[in-house]
Amino acid sequence: MSYPPAWRHETDLSQGVRLMRAHPLAHLYTSHNGQRVTRIPFVVDLEGDHPARLRGHVNGANPQAEGLDGAGVLAVFSGPLSYVSPHWRIDKARGGTFDYEQVVVRGTARTVEGIEHFRRMIDDLSALIEPEYAGAGDYPVWQTSMAAPGYIERLIPHITQFVIDISEIEVISKLHQQFPEEDRRSVAEHLERCQREGSREIARRIRESL
């Protein structure tokens, strides 16, 4: 028996790209130097429509940096999530649960060097992330060219840049798909009334999947 069950697997990889770009701060899991995890932002690069690689960096003092080149790694991107109460279904016989979306990426890390690679990565991250926070003020998207003279150069010796060449990607959507449509609509209606942003997003995703 495979797990997660087939109904949780999203076969449209564009949905995975959407999630990775909307939630770029992922957990990086490694086991080459002990079992370790760090949350870092990633840029996802495509070849055609297919996710081909992730670009990221860690602090050079992070134990994950040692031996990273050539190591098998796991990156997990967490999307919206919400608790679902049994009260919110038509059939109330089953217990509460969490609905969520995530992308699991498996691949091989490859360390890279050079200030230009770092500048492109940071500039790409800023272009992806900063527009999401535009309401905080009328500012241009920050780019490394705006940094104080010498700042970026001083960072380079203290970081480890790397690329993950993707070998496998799983897009997981747990959106009450195994329940009857009337239960799913009822759950979505209740989630829409919640104050939690993640709950309202899950409600939207349930409705889109009906």
C-alpha atoms as a PDB file:
ATOM      1  CA  MET A   1       0.000   0.000   0.000  1.00  0.00           C
ATOM      2  CA  SER A   2       1.474   3.327  -1.063  1.00  0.00           C
ATOM      3  CA  TYR A   3       1.451   6.343   1.196  1.00  0.00           C
ATOM      4  CA  PRO A   4       0.327   9.061   0.955  1.00  0.00           C
ATOM      5  CA  PRO A   5      -2.710   7.581  -0.810  1.00  0.00           C
ATOM      6  CA  ALA A   6      -3.162   8.376  -4.478  1.00  0.00           C
ATOM      7  CA  TRP A   7      -5.997  10.839  -3.883  1.00  0.00           C
ATOM      8  CA  ARG A   8      -3.616  13.187  -2.068  1.00  0.00           C
ATOM      9  CA  HIS A   9      -1.167  13.353  -4.981  1.00  0.00           C
ATOM     10  CA  GLU A  10      -1.558  16.327  -7.319  1.00  0.00           C
ATOM     11  CA  THR A  11      -0.356  15.337 -10.795  1.00  0.00           C
ATOM     12  CA  ASP A  12      -0.354  18.888 -12.178  1.00  0.00           C
ATOM     13  CA  LEU A  13       3.187  20.064 -11.373  1.00  0.00           C
ATOM     14  CA  SER A  14       2.213  23.656 -12.124  1.00  0.00           C
ATOM     15  CA  GLN A  15       0.323  23.535  -8.816  1.00  0.00           C
ATOM     16  CA  GLY A  16       3.573  22.580  -7.118  1.00  0.00           C
ATOM     17  CA  VAL A  17       5.402  25.469  -8.758  1.00  0.00           C
ATOM     18  CA  ARG A  18       2.623  27.809  -7.646  1.00  0.00           C
ATOM     19  CA  LEU A  19       2.953  26.631  -4.050  1.00  0.00           C
ATOM     20  CA  MET A  20       6.778  26.773  -3.999  1.00  0.00           C
ATOM     21  CA  ARG A  21       6.729  30.323  -5.286  1.00  0.00           C
ATOM     22  CA  ALA A  22       3.959  31.423  -2.937  1.00  0.00           C
ATOM     23  CA  HIS A  23       5.687  29.771   0.067  1.00  0.00           C
ATOM     24  CA  PRO A  24       9.432  29.817  -0.733  1.00  0.00           C
ATOM     25  CA  LEU A  25      10.612  29.322   2.874  1.00  0.00           C
ATOM     26  CA  ALA A  26      11.136  25.556   3.010  1.00  0.00           C
ATOM     27  CA  HIS A  27      12.592  23.007   5.411  1.00  0.00           C
ATOM     28  CA  LEU A  28      15.906  21.630   4.156  1.00  0.00           C
ATOM     29  CA  TYR A  29      16.527  18.129   5.570  1.00  0.00           C
ATOM     30  CA  THR A  30      19.923  16.432   5.362  1.00  0.00           C
ATOM     31  CA  SER A  31      21.492  13.318   6.870  1.00  0.00           C
ATOM     32  CA  HIS A  32      25.068  13.387   5.551  1.00  0.00           C
ATOM     33  CA  ASN A  33      26.361  15.075   8.717  1.00  0.00           C
ATOM     34  CA  GLY A  34      23.806  13.862  11.237  1.00  0.00           C
ATOM     35  CA  GLN A  35      20.059  14.380  10.885  1.00  0.00           C
ATOM     36  CA  ARG A  36      19.536  18.127  10.530  1.00  0.00           C
ATOM     37  CA  VAL A  37      16.978  20.630   9.276  1.00  0.00           C
ATOM     38  CA  THR A  38      17.057  24.357   8.501  1.00  0.00           C
ATOM     39  CA  ARG A  39      14.385  26.654   7.090  1.00  0.00           C
ATOM     40  CA  ILE A  40      15.682  28.629   4.108  1.00  0.00           C
ATOM     41  CA  PRO A  41      14.123  30.344   1.086  1.00  0.00           C
ATOM     42  CA  PHE A  42      14.539  28.739  -2.323  1.00  0.00           C
ATOM     43  CA  VAL A  43      14.256  29.847  -5.931  1.00  0.00           C
ATOM     44  CA  VAL A  44      12.729  27.177  -8.183  1.00  0.00           C
ATOM     45  CA  ASP A  45      14.040  27.000 -11.760  1.00  0.00           C
ATOM     46  CA  LEU A  46      12.068  25.379 -14.577  1.00  0.00           C
ATOM     47  CA  GLU A  47      13.077  23.559 -17.721  1.00  0.00           C
ATOM     48  CA  GLY A  48      10.050  24.011 -19.906  1.00  0.00           C
ATOM     49  CA  ASP A  49       7.171  23.583 -17.471  1.00  0.00           C
ATOM     50  CA  HIS A  50       8.998  21.098 -15.244  1.00  0.00           C
ATOM     51  CA  PRO A  51      10.724  22.051 -11.944  1.00  0.00           C
ATOM     52  CA  ALA A  52      14.388  21.182 -12.556  1.00  0.00           C
ATOM     53  CA  ARG A  53      16.372  22.689  -9.685  1.00  0.00           C
ATOM     54  CA  LEU A  54      16.258  24.755  -6.521  1.00  0.00           C
ATOM     55  CA  ARG A  55      18.742  27.483  -5.630  1.00  0.00           C
ATOM     56  CA  GLY A  56      19.530  28.301  -2.004  1.00  0.00           C
ATOM     57  CA  HIS A  57      22.218  29.081   0.534  1.00  0.00           C
ATOM     58  CA  VAL A  58      23.029  28.378   4.164  1.00  0.00           C
ATOM     59  CA  ASN A  59      25.313  29.999   6.676  1.00  0.00           C
ATOM     60  CA  GLY A  60      28.785  28.511   6.356  1.00  0.00           C
ATOM     61  CA  ALA A  61      28.761  27.748  10.095  1.00  0.00           C
ATOM     62  CA  ASN A  62      25.662  25.570   9.674  1.00  0.00           C
ATOM     63  CA  PRO A  63      26.648  21.885  10.080  1.00  0.00           C
ATOM     64  CA  GLN A  64      24.567  21.135   6.993  1.00  0.00           C
ATOM     65  CA  ALA A  65      27.104  23.046   4.895  1.00  0.00           C
ATOM     66  CA  GLU A  66      29.901  20.555   5.614  1.00  0.00           C
ATOM     67  CA  GLY A  67      29.829  17.760   3.046  1.00  0.00           C
ATOM     68  CA  LEU A  68      26.769  19.217   1.291  1.00  0.00           C
ATOM     69  CA  ASP A  69      28.245  18.871  -2.203  1.00  0.00           C
ATOM     70  CA  GLY A  70      26.899  15.628  -3.690  1.00  0.00           C
ATOM     71  CA  ALA A  71      24.617  14.860  -0.724  1.00  0.00           C
ATOM     72  CA  GLY A  72      21.078  13.612  -1.125  1.00  0.00           C
ATOM     73  CA  VAL A  73      18.674  16.167   0.362  1.00  0.00           C
ATOM     74  CA  LEU A  74      14.993  16.740   0.992  1.00  0.00           C
ATOM     75  CA  ALA A  75      13.243  20.123   0.758  1.00  0.00           C
ATOM     76  CA  VAL A  76       9.663  20.460   2.024  1.00  0.00           C
ATOM     77  CA  PHE A  77       7.545  23.494   1.127  1.00  0.00           C
ATOM     78  CA  SER A  78       4.526  23.971   3.389  1.00  0.00           C
ATOM     79  CA  GLY A  79       1.504  25.693   1.935  1.00  0.00           C
ATOM     80  CA  PRO A  80      -1.739  26.712   3.643  1.00  0.00           C
ATOM     81  CA  LEU A  81      -3.218  24.503   6.352  1.00  0.00           C
ATOM     82  CA  SER A  82      -6.256  24.422   8.584  1.00  0.00           C
ATOM     83  CA  TYR A  83      -7.884  22.298  11.229  1.00  0.00           C
ATOM     84  CA  VAL A  84     -11.280  20.883  10.225  1.00  0.00           C
ATOM     85  CA  SER A  85     -13.789  20.136  12.978  1.00  0.00           C
ATOM     86  CA  PRO A  86     -16.227  17.194  12.722  1.00  0.00           C
ATOM     87  CA  HIS A  87     -18.981  19.750  13.429  1.00  0.00           C
ATOM     88  CA  TRP A  88     -18.414  21.272   9.998  1.00  0.00           C
ATOM     89  CA  ARG A  89     -19.393  18.196   7.964  1.00  0.00           C
ATOM     90  CA  ILE A  90     -22.853  16.944   7.133  1.00  0.00           C
ATOM     91  CA  ASP A  91     -21.810  13.476   8.305  1.00  0.00           C
ATOM     92  CA  LYS A  92     -20.356  14.078  11.769  1.00  0.00           C
ATOM     93  CA  ALA A  93     -19.346  10.462  12.458  1.00  0.00           C
ATOM     94  CA  ARG A  94     -15.672  10.923  11.615  1.00  0.00           C
ATOM     95  CA  GLY A  95     -13.111  12.821  13.673  1.00  0.00           C
ATOM     96  CA  GLY A  96     -11.329  16.107  13.199  1.00  0.00           C
ATOM     97  CA  THR A  97      -8.299  16.469  10.961  1.00  0.00           C
ATOM     98  CA  PHE A  98      -6.026  18.965   9.249  1.00  0.00           C
ATOM     99  CA  ASP A  99      -6.236  19.834   5.564  1.00  0.00           C
ATOM    100  CA  TYR A 100      -3.045  21.130   3.971  1.00  0.00           C
ATOM    101  CA  GLU A 101      -0.907  21.445   0.864  1.00  0.00           C
ATOM    102  CA  GLN A 102       2.807  20.796   0.535  1.00  0.00           C
ATOM    103  CA  VAL A 103       5.532  20.025  -1.971  1.00  0.00           C
ATOM    104  CA  VAL A 104       8.256  17.483  -1.203  1.00  0.00           C
ATOM    105  CA  VAL A 105      11.413  17.740  -3.314  1.00  0.00           C
ATOM    106  CA  ARG A 106      14.136  15.089  -3.359  1.00  0.00           C
ATOM    107  CA  GLY A 107      17.420  15.630  -5.116  1.00  0.00           C
ATOM    108  CA  THR A 108      21.176  15.993  -4.974  1.00  0.00           C
ATOM    109  CA  ALA A 109      22.878  19.128  -3.685  1.00  0.00           C
ATOM    110  CA  ARG A 110      25.660  20.722  -5.686  1.00  0.00           C
ATOM    111  CA  THR A 111      27.649  23.574  -4.129  1.00  0.00           C
ATOM    112  CA  VAL A 112      28.440  26.584  -6.276  1.00  0.00           C
ATOM    113  CA  GLU A 113      30.657  29.614  -5.844  1.00  0.00           C
ATOM    114  CA  GLY A 114      30.829  33.165  -7.079  1.00  0.00           C
ATOM    115  CA  ILE A 115      29.390  36.527  -6.188  1.00  0.00           C
ATOM    116  CA  GLU A 116      27.367  36.804  -9.394  1.00  0.00           C
ATOM    117  CA  HIS A 117      25.494  33.570  -8.659  1.00  0.00           C
ATOM    118  CA  PHE A 118      24.701  34.903  -5.187  1.00  0.00           C
ATOM    119  CA  ARG A 119      23.526  38.260  -6.518  1.00  0.00           C
ATOM    120  CA  ARG A 120      21.208  36.588  -9.040  1.00  0.00           C
ATOM    121  CA  MET A 121      19.779  34.296  -6.378  1.00  0.00           C
ATOM    122  CA  ILE A 122      19.076  37.113  -3.905  1.00  0.00           C
ATOM    123  CA  ASP A 123      17.703  39.384  -6.620  1.00  0.00           C
ATOM    124  CA  ASP A 124      15.402  36.581  -7.814  1.00  0.00           C
ATOM    125  CA  LEU A 125      14.227  35.938  -4.251  1.00  0.00           C
ATOM    126  CA  SER A 126      13.543  39.638  -3.684  1.00  0.00           C
ATOM    127  CA  ALA A 127      11.615  39.915  -6.951  1.00  0.00           C
ATOM    128  CA  LEU A 128       9.521  36.921  -5.878  1.00  0.00           C
ATOM    129  CA  ILE A 129       8.897  37.837  -2.244  1.00  0.00           C
ATOM    130  CA  GLU A 130       8.858  41.612  -1.858  1.00  0.00           C
ATOM    131  CA  PRO A 131       5.765  42.313  -4.011  1.00  0.00           C
ATOM    132  CA  GLU A 132       3.782  40.166  -1.560  1.00  0.00           C
ATOM    133  CA  TYR A 133       4.541  42.764   1.132  1.00  0.00           C
ATOM    134  CA  ALA A 134       4.023  45.885  -0.959  1.00  0.00           C
ATOM    135  CA  GLY A 135       1.290  47.074   1.397  1.00  0.00           C
ATOM    136  CA  ALA A 136       3.918  47.820   4.043  1.00  0.00           C
ATOM    137  CA  GLY A 137       5.085  50.879   2.118  1.00  0.00           C
ATOM    138  CA  ASP A 138       5.758  52.402  -1.274  1.00  0.00           C
ATOM    139  CA  TYR A 139       9.246  51.030  -1.866  1.00  0.00           C
ATOM    140  CA  PRO A 140      10.988  49.560  -4.898  1.00  0.00           C
ATOM    141  CA  VAL A 141      11.833  45.861  -4.843  1.00  0.00           C
ATOM    142  CA  TRP A 142      15.126  45.534  -2.989  1.00  0.00           C
ATOM    143  CA  GLN A 143      18.048  44.346  -5.088  1.00  0.00           C
ATOM    144  CA  THR A 144      21.658  43.639  -4.193  1.00  0.00           C
ATOM    145  CA  SER A 145      22.687  46.741  -6.128  1.00  0.00           C
ATOM    146  CA  MET A 146      21.061  48.744  -3.306  1.00  0.00           C
ATOM    147  CA  ALA A 147      23.318  47.210  -0.643  1.00  0.00           C
ATOM    148  CA  ALA A 148      26.047  49.281   0.984  1.00  0.00           C
ATOM    149  CA  PRO A 149      29.387  49.108  -0.849  1.00  0.00           C
ATOM    150  CA  GLY A 150      31.276  45.952   0.079  1.00  0.00           C
ATOM    151  CA  TYR A 151      28.367  44.369   1.975  1.00  0.00           C
ATOM    152  CA  ILE A 152      27.705  41.535  -0.478  1.00  0.00           C
ATOM    153  CA  GLU A 153      31.431  40.872  -0.864  1.00  0.00           C
ATOM    154  CA  ARG A 154      31.781  40.495   2.897  1.00  0.00           C
ATOM    155  CA  LEU A 155      28.974  37.920   2.992  1.00  0.00           C
ATOM    156  CA  ILE A 156      30.393  35.546   0.389  1.00  0.00           C
ATOM    157  CA  PRO A 157      33.120  33.904   2.550  1.00  0.00           C
ATOM    158  CA  HIS A 158      30.548  33.142   5.255  1.00  0.00           C
ATOM    159  CA  ILE A 159      27.884  31.341   3.211  1.00  0.00           C
ATOM    160  CA  THR A 160      27.564  28.107   1.244  1.00  0.00           C
ATOM    161  CA  GLN A 161      25.648  28.451  -1.992  1.00  0.00           C
ATOM    162  CA  PHE A 162      24.126  25.365  -3.553  1.00  0.00           C
ATOM    163  CA  VAL A 163      21.755  24.026  -6.161  1.00  0.00           C
ATOM    164  CA  ILE A 164      19.476  21.015  -5.705  1.00  0.00           C
ATOM    165  CA  ASP A 165      19.102  19.031  -8.915  1.00  0.00           C
ATOM    166  CA  ILE A 166      15.590  17.639  -8.558  1.00  0.00           C
ATOM    167  CA  SER A 167      15.152  13.880  -8.960  1.00  0.00           C
ATOM    168  CA  GLU A 168      11.616  13.556  -7.564  1.00  0.00           C
ATOM    169  CA  ILE A 169       8.834  15.919  -6.656  1.00  0.00           C
ATOM    170  CA  GLU A 170       5.597  15.185  -4.805  1.00  0.00           C
ATOM    171  CA  VAL A 171       2.750  17.690  -4.739  1.00  0.00           C
ATOM    172  CA  ILE A 172       0.431  16.790  -1.867  1.00  0.00           C
ATOM    173  CA  SER A 173      -3.074  18.233  -1.481  1.00  0.00           C
ATOM    174  CA  LYS A 174      -5.220  17.010   1.407  1.00  0.00           C
ATOM    175  CA  LEU A 175      -8.456  18.860   0.779  1.00  0.00           C
ATOM    176  CA  HIS A 176     -11.138  16.441   1.974  1.00  0.00           C
ATOM    177  CA  GLN A 177     -11.163  14.757  -1.446  1.00  0.00           C
ATOM    178  CA  GLN A 178     -12.268  11.425   0.077  1.00  0.00           C
ATOM    179  CA  PHE A 179     -15.463  12.977   1.472  1.00  0.00           C
ATOM    180  CA  PRO A 180     -18.783  13.472  -0.356  1.00  0.00           C
ATOM    181  CA  GLU A 181     -19.241  16.798  -2.130  1.00  0.00           C
ATOM    182  CA  GLU A 182     -21.844  17.961   0.395  1.00  0.00           C
ATOM    183  CA  ASP A 183     -19.325  17.506   3.212  1.00  0.00           C
ATOM    184  CA  ARG A 184     -16.638  19.340   1.244  1.00  0.00           C
ATOM    185  CA  ARG A 185     -18.914  22.285   0.526  1.00  0.00           C
ATOM    186  CA  SER A 186     -19.948  22.439   4.177  1.00  0.00           C
ATOM    187  CA  VAL A 187     -16.309  22.393   5.302  1.00  0.00           C
ATOM    188  CA  ALA A 188     -15.444  25.171   2.846  1.00  0.00           C
ATOM    189  CA  GLU A 189     -18.336  27.313   4.084  1.00  0.00           C
ATOM    190  CA  HIS A 190     -17.165  26.985   7.684  1.00  0.00           C
ATOM    191  CA  LEU A 191     -13.524  27.663   6.825  1.00  0.00           C
ATOM    192  CA  GLU A 192     -14.524  30.831   4.976  1.00  0.00           C
ATOM    193  CA  ARG A 193     -15.923  32.170   8.251  1.00  0.00           C
ATOM    194  CA  CYS A 194     -12.667  31.570  10.156  1.00  0.00           C
ATOM    195  CA  GLN A 195     -10.355  34.441  11.025  1.00  0.00           C
ATOM    196  CA  ARG A 196      -7.255  32.454  10.124  1.00  0.00           C
ATOM    197  CA  GLU A 197      -5.883  33.321   6.696  1.00  0.00           C
ATOM    198  CA  GLY A 198      -4.736  29.741   6.130  1.00  0.00           C
ATOM    199  CA  SER A 199      -8.253  28.458   6.796  1.00  0.00           C
ATOM    200  CA  ARG A 200      -9.754  30.792   4.221  1.00  0.00           C
ATOM    201  CA  GLU A 201      -7.099  29.752   1.702  1.00  0.00           C
ATOM    202  CA  ILE A 202      -7.898  26.075   2.264  1.00  0.00           C
ATOM    203  CA  ALA A 203     -11.579  26.900   1.738  1.00  0.00           C
ATOM    204  CA  ARG A 204     -10.703  28.497  -1.601  1.00  0.00           C
ATOM    205  CA  ARG A 205      -8.617  25.497  -2.642  1.00  0.00           C
ATOM    206  CA  ILE A 206     -11.427  23.072  -1.706  1.00  0.00           C
ATOM    207  CA  ARG A 207     -13.884  25.013  -3.846  1.00  0.00           C
ATOM    208  CA  GLU A 208     -11.440  25.091  -6.766  1.00  0.00           C
ATOM    209  CA  SER A 209     -11.051  21.312  -6.551  1.00  0.00           C
ATOM    210  CA  LEU A 210     -14.780  20.536  -6.586  1.00  0.00           C
END
